[in-house]
Amino acid sequence: KAVHEALAQATDLNFIGNVESREL
């Protein structure tokens, strides 16, 4: 949860959110 919040706020990263292993 902490990592998700930090990555979502990073303006220089194209963060798409959480992903599940079955979709890799």
PDB file of all heavy atoms in Angstrom:
ATOM      1  N   LYS A   1       0.834  -1.209   0.000  1.00  0.00           N
ATOM      2  CA  LYS A   1       0.000   0.000   0.000  1.00  0.00           C
ATOM      3  C   LYS A   1       0.866   1.255   0.000  1.00  0.00           C
ATOM      4  O   LYS A   1       0.582   2.234  -0.703  1.00  0.00           O
ATOM      5  CB  LYS A   1      -0.931  -0.007   1.210  1.00  0.00           C
ATOM      6  CG  LYS A   1      -2.028  -1.068   1.126  1.00  0.00           C
ATOM      7  CD  LYS A   1      -2.883  -1.077   2.390  1.00  0.00           C
ATOM      8  CE  LYS A   1      -3.952  -2.168   2.310  1.00  0.00           C
ATOM      9  NZ  LYS A   1      -4.781  -2.241   3.541  1.00  0.00           N
ATOM     10  N   ALA A   2       1.944   1.228   0.784  1.00  0.00           N
ATOM     11  CA  ALA A   2       2.855   2.383   0.839  1.00  0.00           C
ATOM     12  C   ALA A   2       3.561   2.583  -0.501  1.00  0.00           C
ATOM     13  O   ALA A   2       3.713   3.720  -0.970  1.00  0.00           O
ATOM     14  CB  ALA A   2       3.876   2.189   1.957  1.00  0.00           C
ATOM     15  N   VAL A   3       3.992   1.480  -1.129  1.00  0.00           N
ATOM     16  CA  VAL A   3       4.672   1.581  -2.425  1.00  0.00           C
ATOM     17  C   VAL A   3       3.712   2.093  -3.488  1.00  0.00           C
ATOM     18  O   VAL A   3       4.061   2.951  -4.308  1.00  0.00           O
ATOM     19  CB  VAL A   3       5.252   0.213  -2.845  1.00  0.00           C
ATOM     20  CG1 VAL A   3       5.872   0.302  -4.232  1.00  0.00           C
ATOM     21  CG2 VAL A   3       6.286  -0.253  -1.847  1.00  0.00           C
ATOM     22  N   HIS A   4       2.497   1.579  -3.469  1.00  0.00           N
ATOM     23  CA  HIS A   4       1.496   2.014  -4.446  1.00  0.00           C
ATOM     24  C   HIS A   4       1.264   3.514  -4.337  1.00  0.00           C
ATOM     25  O   HIS A   4       1.228   4.233  -5.356  1.00  0.00           O
ATOM     26  CB  HIS A   4       0.186   1.260  -4.221  1.00  0.00           C
ATOM     27  CG  HIS A   4      -0.857   1.520  -5.283  1.00  0.00           C
ATOM     28  ND1 HIS A   4      -1.577   2.697  -5.362  1.00  0.00           N
ATOM     29  CD2 HIS A   4      -1.272   0.752  -6.336  1.00  0.00           C
ATOM     30  CE1 HIS A   4      -2.403   2.644  -6.381  1.00  0.00           C
ATOM     31  NE2 HIS A   4      -2.232   1.482  -6.998  1.00  0.00           N
ATOM     32  N   GLU A   5       1.141   4.010  -3.139  1.00  0.00           N
ATOM     33  CA  GLU A   5       0.898   5.445  -2.938  1.00  0.00           C
ATOM     34  C   GLU A   5       2.078   6.279  -3.460  1.00  0.00           C
ATOM     35  O   GLU A   5       1.882   7.301  -4.128  1.00  0.00           O
ATOM     36  CB  GLU A   5       0.671   5.742  -1.457  1.00  0.00           C
ATOM     37  CG  GLU A   5       0.357   7.201  -1.161  1.00  0.00           C
ATOM     38  CD  GLU A   5       0.095   7.472   0.310  1.00  0.00           C
ATOM     39  OE1 GLU A   5       0.047   6.493   1.094  1.00  0.00           O
ATOM     40  OE2 GLU A   5      -0.048   8.649   0.673  1.00  0.00           O
ATOM     41  N   ALA A   6       3.293   5.820  -3.167  1.00  0.00           N
ATOM     42  CA  ALA A   6       4.483   6.568  -3.593  1.00  0.00           C
ATOM     43  C   ALA A   6       4.626   6.562  -5.113  1.00  0.00           C
ATOM     44  O   ALA A   6       4.934   7.594  -5.725  1.00  0.00           O
ATOM     45  CB  ALA A   6       5.727   5.979  -2.941  1.00  0.00           C
ATOM     46  N   LEU A   7       4.410   5.414  -5.736  1.00  0.00           N
ATOM     47  CA  LEU A   7       4.546   5.326  -7.183  1.00  0.00           C
ATOM     48  C   LEU A   7       3.453   6.119  -7.894  1.00  0.00           C
ATOM     49  O   LEU A   7       3.696   6.721  -8.951  1.00  0.00           O
ATOM     50  CB  LEU A   7       4.512   3.861  -7.628  1.00  0.00           C
ATOM     51  CG  LEU A   7       5.697   2.995  -7.201  1.00  0.00           C
ATOM     52  CD1 LEU A   7       5.492   1.552  -7.647  1.00  0.00           C
ATOM     53  CD2 LEU A   7       6.998   3.529  -7.777  1.00  0.00           C
ATOM     54  N   ALA A   8       2.267   6.134  -7.320  1.00  0.00           N
ATOM     55  CA  ALA A   8       1.159   6.885  -7.921  1.00  0.00           C
ATOM     56  C   ALA A   8       1.438   8.384  -7.907  1.00  0.00           C
ATOM     57  O   ALA A   8       0.925   9.123  -8.760  1.00  0.00           O
ATOM     58  CB  ALA A   8      -0.135   6.578  -7.179  1.00  0.00           C
ATOM     59  N   GLN A   9       2.245   8.839  -6.961  1.00  0.00           N
ATOM     60  CA  GLN A   9       2.554  10.263  -6.848  1.00  0.00           C
ATOM     61  C   GLN A   9       3.802  10.662  -7.637  1.00  0.00           C
ATOM     62  O   GLN A   9       4.106  11.852  -7.765  1.00  0.00           O
ATOM     63  CB  GLN A   9       2.749  10.637  -5.370  1.00  0.00           C
ATOM     64  CG  GLN A   9       1.487  10.514  -4.541  1.00  0.00           C
ATOM     65  CD  GLN A   9       1.726  10.783  -3.058  1.00  0.00           C
ATOM     66  OE1 GLN A   9       2.845  11.047  -2.643  1.00  0.00           O
ATOM     67  NE2 GLN A   9       0.662  10.703  -2.272  1.00  0.00           N
ATOM     68  N   ALA A  10       4.533   9.694  -8.167  1.00  0.00           N
ATOM     69  CA  ALA A  10       5.767   9.976  -8.908  1.00  0.00           C
ATOM     70  C   ALA A  10       5.424  10.467 -10.312  1.00  0.00           C
ATOM     71  O   ALA A  10       4.919   9.710 -11.141  1.00  0.00           O
ATOM     72  CB  ALA A  10       6.642   8.727  -8.971  1.00  0.00           C
ATOM     73  N   THR A  11       5.714  11.719 -10.597  1.00  0.00           N
ATOM     74  CA  THR A  11       5.320  12.327 -11.873  1.00  0.00           C
ATOM     75  C   THR A  11       6.179  11.861 -13.043  1.00  0.00           C
ATOM     76  O   THR A  11       5.768  12.000 -14.196  1.00  0.00           O
ATOM     77  CB  THR A  11       5.397  13.857 -11.775  1.00  0.00           C
ATOM     78  OG1 THR A  11       6.730  14.238 -11.399  1.00  0.00           O
ATOM     79  CG2 THR A  11       4.413  14.379 -10.730  1.00  0.00           C
ATOM     80  N   ASP A  12       7.380  11.319 -12.770  1.00  0.00           N
ATOM     81  CA  ASP A  12       8.261  10.897 -13.863  1.00  0.00           C
ATOM     82  C   ASP A  12       8.196   9.397 -14.127  1.00  0.00           C
ATOM     83  O   ASP A  12       9.038   8.847 -14.822  1.00  0.00           O
ATOM     84  CB  ASP A  12       9.705  11.319 -13.581  1.00  0.00           C
ATOM     85  CG  ASP A  12      10.226  10.783 -12.254  1.00  0.00           C
ATOM     86  OD1 ASP A  12       9.397  10.322 -11.436  1.00  0.00           O
ATOM     87  OD2 ASP A  12      11.449  10.835 -12.037  1.00  0.00           O
ATOM     88  N   LEU A  13       7.205   8.716 -13.551  1.00  0.00           N
ATOM     89  CA  LEU A  13       7.012   7.288 -13.773  1.00  0.00           C
ATOM     90  C   LEU A  13       5.623   7.040 -14.359  1.00  0.00           C
ATOM     91  O   LEU A  13       4.635   7.618 -13.884  1.00  0.00           O
ATOM     92  CB  LEU A  13       7.161   6.508 -12.464  1.00  0.00           C
ATOM     93  CG  LEU A  13       8.534   6.492 -11.799  1.00  0.00           C
ATOM     94  CD1 LEU A  13       8.459   5.770 -10.456  1.00  0.00           C
ATOM     95  CD2 LEU A  13       9.575   5.848 -12.692  1.00  0.00           C
ATOM     96  N   ASN A  14       5.548   6.170 -15.349  1.00  0.00           N
ATOM     97  CA  ASN A  14       4.265   5.800 -15.949  1.00  0.00           C
ATOM     98  C   ASN A  14       3.696   4.610 -15.176  1.00  0.00           C
ATOM     99  O   ASN A  14       3.679   3.476 -15.661  1.00  0.00           O
ATOM    100  CB  ASN A  14       4.478   5.454 -17.421  1.00  0.00           C
ATOM    101  CG  ASN A  14       3.184   5.099 -18.125  1.00  0.00           C
ATOM    102  OD1 ASN A  14       2.091   5.374 -17.624  1.00  0.00           O
ATOM    103  ND2 ASN A  14       3.295   4.478 -19.291  1.00  0.00           N
ATOM    104  N   PHE A  15       3.236   4.895 -13.957  1.00  0.00           N
ATOM    105  CA  PHE A  15       2.746   3.840 -13.073  1.00  0.00           C
ATOM    106  C   PHE A  15       1.300   3.512 -13.415  1.00  0.00           C
ATOM    107  O   PHE A  15       0.429   4.385 -13.407  1.00  0.00           O
ATOM    108  CB  PHE A  15       2.847   4.297 -11.615  1.00  0.00           C
ATOM    109  CG  PHE A  15       2.376   3.282 -10.614  1.00  0.00           C
ATOM    110  CD1 PHE A  15       2.915   2.009 -10.566  1.00  0.00           C
ATOM    111  CD2 PHE A  15       1.378   3.609  -9.698  1.00  0.00           C
ATOM    112  CE1 PHE A  15       2.485   1.086  -9.648  1.00  0.00           C
ATOM    113  CE2 PHE A  15       0.940   2.691  -8.768  1.00  0.00           C
ATOM    114  CZ  PHE A  15       1.489   1.422  -8.738  1.00  0.00           C
ATOM    115  N   ILE A  16       1.031   2.221 -13.702  1.00  0.00           N
ATOM    116  CA  ILE A  16      -0.312   1.799 -14.113  1.00  0.00           C
ATOM    117  C   ILE A  16      -1.083   1.125 -12.985  1.00  0.00           C
ATOM    118  O   ILE A  16      -2.214   0.685 -13.172  1.00  0.00           O
ATOM    119  CB  ILE A  16      -0.254   0.876 -15.340  1.00  0.00           C
ATOM    120  CG1 ILE A  16       0.529  -0.411 -15.014  1.00  0.00           C
ATOM    121  CG2 ILE A  16       0.366   1.592 -16.529  1.00  0.00           C
ATOM    122  CD1 ILE A  16       0.431  -1.477 -16.088  1.00  0.00           C
ATOM    123  N   GLY A  17      -0.454   0.996 -11.795  1.00  0.00           N
ATOM    124  CA  GLY A  17      -1.137   0.399 -10.654  1.00  0.00           C
ATOM    125  C   GLY A  17      -0.695  -1.030 -10.369  1.00  0.00           C
ATOM    126  O   GLY A  17       0.328  -1.502 -10.859  1.00  0.00           O
ATOM    127  N   ASN A  18      -1.488  -1.720  -9.566  1.00  0.00           N
ATOM    128  CA  ASN A  18      -1.194  -3.107  -9.214  1.00  0.00           C
ATOM    129  C   ASN A  18      -1.449  -4.045 -10.395  1.00  0.00           C
ATOM    130  O   ASN A  18      -2.374  -3.820 -11.189  1.00  0.00           O
ATOM    131  CB  ASN A  18      -2.073  -3.551  -8.037  1.00  0.00           C
ATOM    132  CG  ASN A  18      -1.706  -2.845  -6.750  1.00  0.00           C
ATOM    133  OD1 ASN A  18      -0.538  -2.564  -6.499  1.00  0.00           O
ATOM    134  ND2 ASN A  18      -2.706  -2.560  -5.907  1.00  0.00           N
ATOM    135  N   VAL A  19      -0.650  -5.094 -10.484  1.00  0.00           N
ATOM    136  CA  VAL A  19      -0.855  -6.124 -11.503  1.00  0.00           C
ATOM    137  C   VAL A  19      -0.803  -7.488 -10.817  1.00  0.00           C
ATOM    138  O   VAL A  19      -0.133  -7.661  -9.805  1.00  0.00           O
ATOM    139  CB  VAL A  19       0.194  -6.052 -12.619  1.00  0.00           C
ATOM    140  CG1 VAL A  19       0.088  -4.741 -13.369  1.00  0.00           C
ATOM    141  CG2 VAL A  19       1.608  -6.238 -12.081  1.00  0.00           C
ATOM    142  N   GLU A  20      -1.535  -8.447 -11.385  1.00  0.00           N
ATOM    143  CA  GLU A  20      -1.566  -9.793 -10.833  1.00  0.00           C
ATOM    144  C   GLU A  20      -0.648 -10.720 -11.626  1.00  0.00           C
ATOM    145  O   GLU A  20      -0.426 -10.524 -12.827  1.00  0.00           O
ATOM    146  CB  GLU A  20      -2.994 -10.336 -10.853  1.00  0.00           C
ATOM    147  CG  GLU A  20      -3.942  -9.570  -9.935  1.00  0.00           C
ATOM    148  CD  GLU A  20      -5.342 -10.130  -9.974  1.00  0.00           C
ATOM    149  OE1 GLU A  20      -5.963 -10.111 -11.057  1.00  0.00           O
ATOM    150  OE2 GLU A  20      -5.826 -10.599  -8.924  1.00  0.00           O
ATOM    151  N   SER A  21      -0.147 -11.753 -10.956  1.00  0.00           N
ATOM    152  CA  SER A  21       0.826 -12.645 -11.592  1.00  0.00           C
ATOM    153  C   SER A  21       0.239 -13.379 -12.790  1.00  0.00           C
ATOM    154  O   SER A  21       0.970 -13.699 -13.739  1.00  0.00           O
ATOM    155  CB  SER A  21       1.359 -13.646 -10.571  1.00  0.00           C
ATOM    156  OG  SER A  21       0.307 -14.408 -10.002  1.00  0.00           O
ATOM    157  N   ARG A  22      -1.065 -13.648 -12.781  1.00  0.00           N
ATOM    158  CA  ARG A  22      -1.662 -14.390 -13.889  1.00  0.00           C
ATOM    159  C   ARG A  22      -1.675 -13.602 -15.192  1.00  0.00           C
ATOM    160  O   ARG A  22      -1.866 -14.164 -16.275  1.00  0.00           O
ATOM    161  CB  ARG A  22      -3.098 -14.799 -13.531  1.00  0.00           C
ATOM    162  CG  ARG A  22      -4.059 -13.630 -13.350  1.00  0.00           C
ATOM    163  CD  ARG A  22      -5.438 -14.121 -12.967  1.00  0.00           C
ATOM    164  NE  ARG A  22      -6.365 -13.026 -12.739  1.00  0.00           N
ATOM    165  CZ  ARG A  22      -7.638 -13.194 -12.356  1.00  0.00           C
ATOM    166  NH1 ARG A  22      -8.098 -14.420 -12.150  1.00  0.00           N
ATOM    167  NH2 ARG A  22      -8.413 -12.161 -12.171  1.00  0.00           N
ATOM    168  N   GLU A  23      -1.470 -12.276 -15.116  1.00  0.00           N
ATOM    169  CA  GLU A  23      -1.484 -11.445 -16.312  1.00  0.00           C
ATOM    170  C   GLU A  23      -0.088 -11.094 -16.828  1.00  0.00           C
ATOM    171  O   GLU A  23       0.040 -10.400 -17.834  1.00  0.00           O
ATOM    172  CB  GLU A  23      -2.253 -10.141 -16.025  1.00  0.00           C
ATOM    173  CG  GLU A  23      -3.731 -10.331 -15.739  1.00  0.00           C
ATOM    174  CD  GLU A  23      -4.469 -10.920 -16.933  1.00  0.00           C
ATOM    175  OE1 GLU A  23      -4.071 -10.665 -18.085  1.00  0.00           O
ATOM    176  OE2 GLU A  23      -5.450 -11.666 -16.724  1.00  0.00           O
ATOM    177  N   LEU A  24       0.964 -11.548 -16.155  1.00  0.00           N
ATOM    178  CA  LEU A  24       2.322 -11.130 -16.524  1.00  0.00           C
ATOM    179  C   LEU A  24       2.683 -11.513 -17.946  1.00  0.00           C
ATOM    180  O   LEU A  24       3.209 -10.709 -18.712  1.00  0.00           O
ATOM    181  CB  LEU A  24       3.335 -11.724 -15.537  1.00  0.00           C
ATOM    182  CG  LEU A  24       3.227 -11.258 -14.078  1.00  0.00           C
ATOM    183  CD1 LEU A  24       4.335 -11.877 -13.246  1.00  0.00           C
ATOM    184  CD2 LEU A  24       3.263  -9.738 -13.984  1.00  0.00           C
TER     185      LEU A  24
END
